[in-house]
């Protein structure tokens, strides 16, 4: 997995966070691909996760594309959410 935080000079926190790459799913132990973009300037989150099934086909297991959740943003826990967590449903 590769992650990147973008921030403006002089600002204490990031305005855009991007994470992308391949991994092994924690719940099924299958190969998985994940792409996450959190854009605080545009109040937008895109999160897409696919897992490889027994036949080798990639199947979407999580897809989220919409506004940020203000409760998580205030708590500063946005990037810590994981697929399968109750908070990410």
PDB file of N, CA and C in Angstrom:
ATOM      1  N   UNK A   1       0.850  -1.182   0.000  1.00  0.00           N
ATOM      2  CA  UNK A   1       0.000   0.000   0.000  1.00  0.00           C
ATOM      3  C   UNK A   1       0.891   1.239   0.000  1.00  0.00           C
ATOM      4  N   UNK A   2       0.437   2.233  -0.730  1.00  0.00           N
ATOM      5  CA  UNK A   2       1.132   3.506  -0.778  1.00  0.00           C
ATOM      6  C   UNK A   2       0.179   4.592  -0.325  1.00  0.00           C
ATOM      7  N   UNK A   3       0.616   5.464   0.562  1.00  0.00           N
ATOM      8  CA  UNK A   3      -0.225   6.549   1.056  1.00  0.00           C
ATOM      9  C   UNK A   3       0.458   7.892   0.847  1.00  0.00           C
ATOM     10  N   UNK A   4      -0.354   8.909   0.639  1.00  0.00           N
ATOM     11  CA  UNK A   4       0.166  10.249   0.414  1.00  0.00           C
ATOM     12  C   UNK A   4      -0.750  11.264   1.085  1.00  0.00           C
ATOM     13  N   UNK A   5      -0.171  12.134   1.901  1.00  0.00           N
ATOM     14  CA  UNK A   5      -0.929  13.221   2.515  1.00  0.00           C
ATOM     15  C   UNK A   5      -0.463  14.526   1.888  1.00  0.00           C
ATOM     16  N   UNK A   6      -1.402  15.324   1.388  1.00  0.00           N
ATOM     17  CA  UNK A   6      -1.084  16.621   0.803  1.00  0.00           C
ATOM     18  C   UNK A   6      -1.544  17.704   1.764  1.00  0.00           C
ATOM     19  N   UNK A   7      -0.672  18.682   1.982  1.00  0.00           N
ATOM     20  CA  UNK A   7      -1.040  19.775   2.866  1.00  0.00           C
ATOM     21  C   UNK A   7      -0.452  21.070   2.337  1.00  0.00           C
ATOM     22  N   UNK A   8      -1.095  22.169   2.673  1.00  0.00           N
ATOM     23  CA  UNK A   8      -0.624  23.485   2.255  1.00  0.00           C
ATOM     24  C   UNK A   8       0.487  23.945   3.193  1.00  0.00           C
ATOM     25  N   UNK A   9       1.405  24.723   2.669  1.00  0.00           N
ATOM     26  CA  UNK A   9       2.503  25.232   3.479  1.00  0.00           C
ATOM     27  C   UNK A   9       1.956  26.092   4.620  1.00  0.00           C
ATOM     28  N   UNK A  10       2.413  25.826   5.815  1.00  0.00           N
ATOM     29  CA  UNK A  10       1.977  26.574   6.987  1.00  0.00           C
ATOM     30  C   UNK A  10       0.723  26.024   7.644  1.00  0.00           C
ATOM     31  N   UNK A  11       0.052  25.072   7.010  1.00  0.00           N
ATOM     32  CA  UNK A  11      -1.150  24.470   7.593  1.00  0.00           C
ATOM     33  C   UNK A  11      -0.748  23.277   8.461  1.00  0.00           C
ATOM     34  N   UNK A  12      -1.418  23.083   9.606  1.00  0.00           N
ATOM     35  CA  UNK A  12      -1.029  22.007  10.516  1.00  0.00           C
ATOM     36  C   UNK A  12      -1.487  20.610  10.075  1.00  0.00           C
ATOM     37  N   UNK A  13      -2.510  20.516   9.235  1.00  0.00           N
ATOM     38  CA  UNK A  13      -3.067  19.209   8.892  1.00  0.00           C
ATOM     39  C   UNK A  13      -3.234  19.086   7.380  1.00  0.00           C
ATOM     40  N   UNK A  14      -3.404  17.859   6.904  1.00  0.00           N
ATOM     41  CA  UNK A  14      -3.546  17.617   5.470  1.00  0.00           C
ATOM     42  C   UNK A  14      -4.927  18.005   4.959  1.00  0.00           C
ATOM     43  N   UNK A  15      -5.007  18.275   3.654  1.00  0.00           N
ATOM     44  CA  UNK A  15      -6.302  18.559   3.032  1.00  0.00           C
ATOM     45  C   UNK A  15      -6.725  17.435   2.100  1.00  0.00           C
ATOM     46  N   UNK A  16      -5.774  16.572   1.685  1.00  0.00           N
ATOM     47  CA  UNK A  16      -6.121  15.435   0.834  1.00  0.00           C
ATOM     48  C   UNK A  16      -5.241  14.252   1.215  1.00  0.00           C
ATOM     49  N   UNK A  17      -5.872  13.079   1.319  1.00  0.00           N
ATOM     50  CA  UNK A  17      -5.179  11.849   1.664  1.00  0.00           C
ATOM     51  C   UNK A  17      -5.526  10.809   0.607  1.00  0.00           C
ATOM     52  N   UNK A  18      -4.509  10.159   0.055  1.00  0.00           N
ATOM     53  CA  UNK A  18      -4.717   9.135  -0.958  1.00  0.00           C
ATOM     54  C   UNK A  18      -3.966   7.884  -0.542  1.00  0.00           C
ATOM     55  N   UNK A  19      -4.629   6.726  -0.639  1.00  0.00           N
ATOM     56  CA  UNK A  19      -4.010   5.441  -0.339  1.00  0.00           C
ATOM     57  C   UNK A  19      -4.431   4.470  -1.430  1.00  0.00           C
ATOM     58  N   UNK A  20      -3.478   3.749  -1.987  1.00  0.00           N
ATOM     59  CA  UNK A  20      -3.797   2.833  -3.065  1.00  0.00           C
ATOM     60  C   UNK A  20      -2.806   1.682  -3.065  1.00  0.00           C
ATOM     61  N   UNK A  21      -3.272   0.502  -3.445  1.00  0.00           N
ATOM     62  CA  UNK A  21      -2.368  -0.628  -3.553  1.00  0.00           C
ATOM     63  C   UNK A  21      -3.055  -1.959  -3.374  1.00  0.00           C
ATOM     64  N   UNK A  22      -2.235  -2.992  -3.308  1.00  0.00           N
ATOM     65  CA  UNK A  22      -2.729  -4.347  -3.116  1.00  0.00           C
ATOM     66  C   UNK A  22      -2.361  -4.819  -1.722  1.00  0.00           C
ATOM     67  N   UNK A  23      -3.173  -5.724  -1.206  1.00  0.00           N
ATOM     68  CA  UNK A  23      -2.961  -6.239   0.147  1.00  0.00           C
ATOM     69  C   UNK A  23      -3.613  -7.610   0.254  1.00  0.00           C
ATOM     70  N   UNK A  24      -3.527  -8.208   1.418  1.00  0.00           N
ATOM     71  CA  UNK A  24      -4.248  -9.444   1.720  1.00  0.00           C
ATOM     72  C   UNK A  24      -5.356  -9.073   2.688  1.00  0.00           C
ATOM     73  N   UNK A  25      -6.584  -9.468   2.364  1.00  0.00           N
ATOM     74  CA  UNK A  25      -7.734  -9.146   3.205  1.00  0.00           C
ATOM     75  C   UNK A  25      -7.568  -9.774   4.578  1.00  0.00           C
ATOM     76  N   UNK A  26      -7.834  -9.000   5.608  1.00  0.00           N
ATOM     77  CA  UNK A  26      -7.719  -9.505   6.970  1.00  0.00           C
ATOM     78  C   UNK A  26      -8.794 -10.510   7.326  1.00  0.00           C
ATOM     79  N   UNK A  27     -10.000 -10.347   6.771  1.00  0.00           N
ATOM     80  CA  UNK A  27     -11.105 -11.230   7.149  1.00  0.00           C
ATOM     81  C   UNK A  27     -11.153 -12.519   6.330  1.00  0.00           C
ATOM     82  N   UNK A  28     -10.750 -12.477   5.047  1.00  0.00           N
ATOM     83  CA  UNK A  28     -10.847 -13.662   4.195  1.00  0.00           C
ATOM     84  C   UNK A  28      -9.490 -14.211   3.761  1.00  0.00           C
ATOM     85  N   UNK A  29      -8.413 -13.494   4.010  1.00  0.00           N
ATOM     86  CA  UNK A  29      -7.047 -13.862   3.614  1.00  0.00           C
ATOM     87  C   UNK A  29      -6.889 -14.012   2.104  1.00  0.00           C
ATOM     88  N   UNK A  30      -7.709 -13.296   1.344  1.00  0.00           N
ATOM     89  CA  UNK A  30      -7.624 -13.307  -0.120  1.00  0.00           C
ATOM     90  C   UNK A  30      -6.898 -12.050  -0.604  1.00  0.00           C
ATOM     91  N   UNK A  31      -6.313 -12.114  -1.817  1.00  0.00           N
ATOM     92  CA  UNK A  31      -5.723 -10.901  -2.391  1.00  0.00           C
ATOM     93  C   UNK A  31      -6.798  -9.823  -2.569  1.00  0.00           C
ATOM     94  N   UNK A  32      -6.417  -8.578  -2.285  1.00  0.00           N
ATOM     95  CA  UNK A  32      -7.380  -7.477  -2.381  1.00  0.00           C
ATOM     96  C   UNK A  32      -6.687  -6.243  -2.959  1.00  0.00           C
ATOM     97  N   UNK A  33      -7.494  -5.362  -3.592  1.00  0.00           N
ATOM     98  CA  UNK A  33      -7.023  -4.078  -4.101  1.00  0.00           C
ATOM     99  C   UNK A  33      -7.863  -2.998  -3.446  1.00  0.00           C
ATOM    100  N   UNK A  34      -7.200  -1.917  -3.037  1.00  0.00           N
ATOM    101  CA  UNK A  34      -7.913  -0.829  -2.358  1.00  0.00           C
ATOM    102  C   UNK A  34      -7.482   0.513  -2.922  1.00  0.00           C
ATOM    103  N   UNK A  35      -8.451   1.417  -3.077  1.00  0.00           N
ATOM    104  CA  UNK A  35      -8.165   2.790  -3.486  1.00  0.00           C
ATOM    105  C   UNK A  35      -9.011   3.710  -2.605  1.00  0.00           C
ATOM    106  N   UNK A  36      -8.351   4.629  -1.896  1.00  0.00           N
ATOM    107  CA  UNK A  36      -9.023   5.539  -0.974  1.00  0.00           C
ATOM    108  C   UNK A  36      -8.548   6.961  -1.241  1.00  0.00           C
ATOM    109  N   UNK A  37      -9.498   7.888  -1.394  1.00  0.00           N
ATOM    110  CA  UNK A  37      -9.178   9.306  -1.531  1.00  0.00           C
ATOM    111  C   UNK A  37     -10.091  10.073  -0.587  1.00  0.00           C
ATOM    112  N   UNK A  38      -9.483  10.854   0.309  1.00  0.00           N
ATOM    113  CA  UNK A  38     -10.234  11.728   1.210  1.00  0.00           C
ATOM    114  C   UNK A  38      -9.825  13.148   0.864  1.00  0.00           C
ATOM    115  N   UNK A  39     -10.778  13.946   0.425  1.00  0.00           N
ATOM    116  CA  UNK A  39     -10.513  15.317   0.001  1.00  0.00           C
ATOM    117  C   UNK A  39     -11.307  16.260   0.902  1.00  0.00           C
ATOM    118  N   UNK A  40     -10.621  16.876   1.859  1.00  0.00           N
ATOM    119  CA  UNK A  40     -11.290  17.760   2.808  1.00  0.00           C
ATOM    120  C   UNK A  40     -11.729  19.070   2.157  1.00  0.00           C
ATOM    121  N   UNK A  41     -11.002  19.547   1.149  1.00  0.00           N
ATOM    122  CA  UNK A  41     -11.383  20.784   0.469  1.00  0.00           C
ATOM    123  C   UNK A  41     -12.739  20.644  -0.209  1.00  0.00           C
ATOM    124  N   UNK A  42     -12.961  19.506  -0.825  1.00  0.00           N
ATOM    125  CA  UNK A  42     -14.212  19.278  -1.564  1.00  0.00           C
ATOM    126  C   UNK A  42     -15.241  18.506  -0.746  1.00  0.00           C
ATOM    127  N   UNK A  43     -14.915  18.181   0.516  1.00  0.00           N
ATOM    128  CA  UNK A  43     -15.812  17.419   1.389  1.00  0.00           C
ATOM    129  C   UNK A  43     -16.254  16.128   0.698  1.00  0.00           C
ATOM    130  N   UNK A  44     -15.261  15.352   0.242  1.00  0.00           N
ATOM    131  CA  UNK A  44     -15.570  14.167  -0.550  1.00  0.00           C
ATOM    132  C   UNK A  44     -14.689  12.993  -0.137  1.00  0.00           C
ATOM    133  N   UNK A  45     -15.283  11.787  -0.194  1.00  0.00           N
ATOM    134  CA  UNK A  45     -14.547  10.558   0.084  1.00  0.00           C
ATOM    135  C   UNK A  45     -14.874   9.526  -0.986  1.00  0.00           C
ATOM    136  N   UNK A  46     -13.837   8.894  -1.520  1.00  0.00           N
ATOM    137  CA  UNK A  46     -13.997   7.787  -2.465  1.00  0.00           C
ATOM    138  C   UNK A  46     -13.222   6.608  -1.901  1.00  0.00           C
ATOM    139  N   UNK A  47     -13.886   5.466  -1.745  1.00  0.00           N
ATOM    140  CA  UNK A  47     -13.245   4.274  -1.187  1.00  0.00           C
ATOM    141  C   UNK A  47     -13.768   3.063  -1.949  1.00  0.00           C
ATOM    142  N   UNK A  48     -12.863   2.332  -2.598  1.00  0.00           N
ATOM    143  CA  UNK A  48     -13.249   1.173  -3.396  1.00  0.00           C
ATOM    144  C   UNK A  48     -12.309   0.017  -3.054  1.00  0.00           C
ATOM    145  N   UNK A  49     -12.893  -1.145  -2.713  1.00  0.00           N
ATOM    146  CA  UNK A  49     -12.112  -2.329  -2.357  1.00  0.00           C
ATOM    147  C   UNK A  49     -12.645  -3.511  -3.149  1.00  0.00           C
ATOM    148  N   UNK A  50     -11.711  -4.266  -3.749  1.00  0.00           N
ATOM    149  CA  UNK A  50     -12.060  -5.491  -4.474  1.00  0.00           C
ATOM    150  C   UNK A  50     -11.243  -6.639  -3.900  1.00  0.00           C
ATOM    151  N   UNK A  51     -11.850  -7.839  -3.896  1.00  0.00           N
ATOM    152  CA  UNK A  51     -11.157  -9.058  -3.490  1.00  0.00           C
ATOM    153  C   UNK A  51     -11.228 -10.062  -4.623  1.00  0.00           C
ATOM    154  N   UNK A  52     -10.235 -10.924  -4.686  1.00  0.00           N
ATOM    155  CA  UNK A  52     -10.202 -11.967  -5.693  1.00  0.00           C
ATOM    156  C   UNK A  52     -10.915 -13.202  -5.150  1.00  0.00           C
ATOM    157  N   UNK A  53     -11.888 -13.726  -5.908  1.00  0.00           N
ATOM    158  CA  UNK A  53     -12.613 -14.911  -5.437  1.00  0.00           C
ATOM    159  C   UNK A  53     -11.869 -16.187  -5.848  1.00  0.00           C
ATOM    160  N   UNK A  54     -12.463 -17.343  -5.574  1.00  0.00           N
ATOM    161  CA  UNK A  54     -11.824 -18.633  -5.836  1.00  0.00           C
ATOM    162  C   UNK A  54     -11.498 -18.838  -7.306  1.00  0.00           C
ATOM    163  N   UNK A  55     -12.298 -18.249  -8.209  1.00  0.00           N
ATOM    164  CA  UNK A  55     -12.076 -18.423  -9.647  1.00  0.00           C
ATOM    165  C   UNK A  55     -11.070 -17.413 -10.208  1.00  0.00           C
ATOM    166  N   UNK A  56     -10.581 -16.492  -9.380  1.00  0.00           N
ATOM    167  CA  UNK A  56      -9.616 -15.506  -9.832  1.00  0.00           C
ATOM    168  C   UNK A  56     -10.231 -14.195 -10.295  1.00  0.00           C
ATOM    169  N   UNK A  57     -11.545 -14.086 -10.246  1.00  0.00           N
ATOM    170  CA  UNK A  57     -12.238 -12.867 -10.649  1.00  0.00           C
ATOM    171  C   UNK A  57     -12.206 -11.846  -9.512  1.00  0.00           C
ATOM    172  N   UNK A  58     -12.095 -10.545  -9.864  1.00  0.00           N
ATOM    173  CA  UNK A  58     -12.122  -9.474  -8.864  1.00  0.00           C
ATOM    174  C   UNK A  58     -13.560  -9.075  -8.591  1.00  0.00           C
ATOM    175  N   UNK A  59     -13.940  -9.090  -7.324  1.00  0.00           N
ATOM    176  CA  UNK A  59     -15.309  -8.795  -6.889  1.00  0.00           C
ATOM    177  C   UNK A  59     -15.271  -7.599  -5.938  1.00  0.00           C
ATOM    178  N   UNK A  60     -16.142  -6.618  -6.165  1.00  0.00           N
ATOM    179  CA  UNK A  60     -16.228  -5.453  -5.286  1.00  0.00           C
ATOM    180  C   UNK A  60     -16.826  -5.862  -3.948  1.00  0.00           C
ATOM    181  N   UNK A  61     -16.121  -5.576  -2.852  1.00  0.00           N
ATOM    182  CA  UNK A  61     -16.622  -5.894  -1.516  1.00  0.00           C
ATOM    183  C   UNK A  61     -16.994  -4.634  -0.739  1.00  0.00           C
ATOM    184  N   UNK A  62     -16.505  -3.473  -1.208  1.00  0.00           N
ATOM    185  CA  UNK A  62     -16.867  -2.216  -0.549  1.00  0.00           C
ATOM    186  C   UNK A  62     -16.714  -1.088  -1.562  1.00  0.00           C
ATOM    187  N   UNK A  63     -17.729  -0.221  -1.620  1.00  0.00           N
ATOM    188  CA  UNK A  63     -17.653   0.951  -2.479  1.00  0.00           C
ATOM    189  C   UNK A  63     -18.379   2.097  -1.789  1.00  0.00           C
ATOM    190  N   UNK A  64     -17.679   3.219  -1.677  1.00  0.00           N
ATOM    191  CA  UNK A  64     -18.244   4.402  -1.034  1.00  0.00           C
ATOM    192  C   UNK A  64     -17.780   5.617  -1.823  1.00  0.00           C
ATOM    193  N   UNK A  65     -18.712   6.467  -2.214  1.00  0.00           N
ATOM    194  CA  UNK A  65     -18.396   7.650  -2.995  1.00  0.00           C
ATOM    195  C   UNK A  65     -19.376   8.739  -2.595  1.00  0.00           C
ATOM    196  N   UNK A  66     -18.945   9.673  -1.751  1.00  0.00           N
ATOM    197  CA  UNK A  66     -19.867  10.699  -1.282  1.00  0.00           C
ATOM    198  C   UNK A  66     -19.219  11.675  -0.324  1.00  0.00           C
ATOM    199  N   UNK A  67     -20.061  12.377   0.404  1.00  0.00           N
ATOM    200  CA  UNK A  67     -19.603  13.407   1.340  1.00  0.00           C
ATOM    201  C   UNK A  67     -18.923  12.777   2.554  1.00  0.00           C
ATOM    202  N   UNK A  68     -18.016  13.533   3.158  1.00  0.00           N
ATOM    203  CA  UNK A  68     -17.358  13.097   4.383  1.00  0.00           C
ATOM    204  C   UNK A  68     -18.354  13.081   5.533  1.00  0.00           C
ATOM    205  N   UNK A  69     -18.109  12.229   6.505  1.00  0.00           N
ATOM    206  CA  UNK A  69     -18.918  12.167   7.714  1.00  0.00           C
ATOM    207  C   UNK A  69     -18.365  13.189   8.705  1.00  0.00           C
ATOM    208  N   UNK A  70     -19.105  14.257   9.020  1.00  0.00           N
ATOM    209  CA  UNK A  70     -18.569  15.310   9.880  1.00  0.00           C
ATOM    210  C   UNK A  70     -18.157  14.834  11.275  1.00  0.00           C
ATOM    211  N   UNK A  71     -18.813  13.820  11.830  1.00  0.00           N
ATOM    212  CA  UNK A  71     -18.459  13.323  13.163  1.00  0.00           C
ATOM    213  C   UNK A  71     -17.048  12.736  13.163  1.00  0.00           C
ATOM    214  N   UNK A  72     -16.721  11.930  12.146  1.00  0.00           N
ATOM    215  CA  UNK A  72     -15.384  11.345  12.073  1.00  0.00           C
ATOM    216  C   UNK A  72     -14.343  12.397  11.743  1.00  0.00           C
ATOM    217  N   UNK A  73     -14.696  13.353  10.921  1.00  0.00           N
ATOM    218  CA  UNK A  73     -13.758  14.411  10.554  1.00  0.00           C
ATOM    219  C   UNK A  73     -13.362  15.221  11.782  1.00  0.00           C
ATOM    220  N   UNK A  74     -14.326  15.554  12.629  1.00  0.00           N
ATOM    221  CA  UNK A  74     -14.033  16.324  13.840  1.00  0.00           C
ATOM    222  C   UNK A  74     -13.154  15.529  14.794  1.00  0.00           C
ATOM    223  N   UNK A  75     -13.347  14.229  14.836  1.00  0.00           N
ATOM    224  CA  UNK A  75     -12.564  13.385  15.729  1.00  0.00           C
ATOM    225  C   UNK A  75     -11.167  13.104  15.177  1.00  0.00           C
ATOM    226  N   UNK A  76     -10.934  13.446  13.894  1.00  0.00           N
ATOM    227  CA  UNK A  76      -9.632  13.217  13.282  1.00  0.00           C
ATOM    228  C   UNK A  76      -9.339  11.765  13.004  1.00  0.00           C
ATOM    229  N   UNK A  77     -10.369  10.944  12.859  1.00  0.00           N
ATOM    230  CA  UNK A  77     -10.188   9.515  12.683  1.00  0.00           C
ATOM    231  C   UNK A  77     -10.543   9.048  11.285  1.00  0.00           C
ATOM    232  N   UNK A  78     -10.698   9.928  10.360  1.00  0.00           N
ATOM    233  CA  UNK A  78     -11.133   9.569   9.016  1.00  0.00           C
ATOM    234  C   UNK A  78     -10.279   8.483   8.370  1.00  0.00           C
ATOM    235  N   UNK A  79      -8.956   8.640   8.323  1.00  0.00           N
ATOM    236  CA  UNK A  79      -8.103   7.712   7.611  1.00  0.00           C
ATOM    237  C   UNK A  79      -7.903   6.390   8.349  1.00  0.00           C
ATOM    238  N   UNK A  80      -8.359   6.281   9.586  1.00  0.00           N
ATOM    239  CA  UNK A  80      -8.156   5.062  10.367  1.00  0.00           C
ATOM    240  C   UNK A  80      -9.252   4.024  10.139  1.00  0.00           C
ATOM    241  N   UNK A  81     -10.316   4.389   9.438  1.00  0.00           N
ATOM    242  CA  UNK A  81     -11.390   3.430   9.196  1.00  0.00           C
ATOM    243  C   UNK A  81     -10.905   2.313   8.281  1.00  0.00           C
ATOM    244  N   UNK A  82     -11.378   1.124   8.492  1.00  0.00           N
ATOM    245  CA  UNK A  82     -10.992  -0.023   7.692  1.00  0.00           C
ATOM    246  C   UNK A  82     -12.236  -0.713   7.146  1.00  0.00           C
ATOM    247  N   UNK A  83     -12.064  -1.424   6.044  1.00  0.00           N
ATOM    248  CA  UNK A  83     -13.160  -2.206   5.480  1.00  0.00           C
ATOM    249  C   UNK A  83     -13.566  -3.249   6.501  1.00  0.00           C
ATOM    250  N   UNK A  84     -14.832  -3.385   6.740  1.00  0.00           N
ATOM    251  CA  UNK A  84     -15.335  -4.339   7.710  1.00  0.00           C
ATOM    252  C   UNK A  84     -15.595  -3.749   9.065  1.00  0.00           C
ATOM    253  N   UNK A  85     -15.048  -2.568   9.372  1.00  0.00           N
ATOM    254  CA  UNK A  85     -15.354  -1.909  10.637  1.00  0.00           C
ATOM    255  C   UNK A  85     -16.801  -1.463  10.614  1.00  0.00           C
ATOM    256  N   UNK A  86     -17.506  -1.522  11.740  1.00  0.00           N
ATOM    257  CA  UNK A  86     -18.894  -1.065  11.784  1.00  0.00           C
ATOM    258  C   UNK A  86     -19.026   0.392  11.347  1.00  0.00           C
ATOM    259  N   UNK A  87     -18.025   1.218  11.609  1.00  0.00           N
ATOM    260  CA  UNK A  87     -18.101   2.637  11.251  1.00  0.00           C
ATOM    261  C   UNK A  87     -18.007   2.863   9.747  1.00  0.00           C
ATOM    262  N   UNK A  88     -17.469   1.899   8.988  1.00  0.00           N
ATOM    263  CA  UNK A  88     -17.284   2.096   7.552  1.00  0.00           C
ATOM    264  C   UNK A  88     -18.473   1.616   6.733  1.00  0.00           C
ATOM    265  N   UNK A  89     -19.502   1.069   7.345  1.00  0.00           N
ATOM    266  CA  UNK A  89     -20.656   0.581   6.594  1.00  0.00           C
ATOM    267  C   UNK A  89     -21.587   1.711   6.241  1.00  0.00           C
TER     268      UNK A  89
END
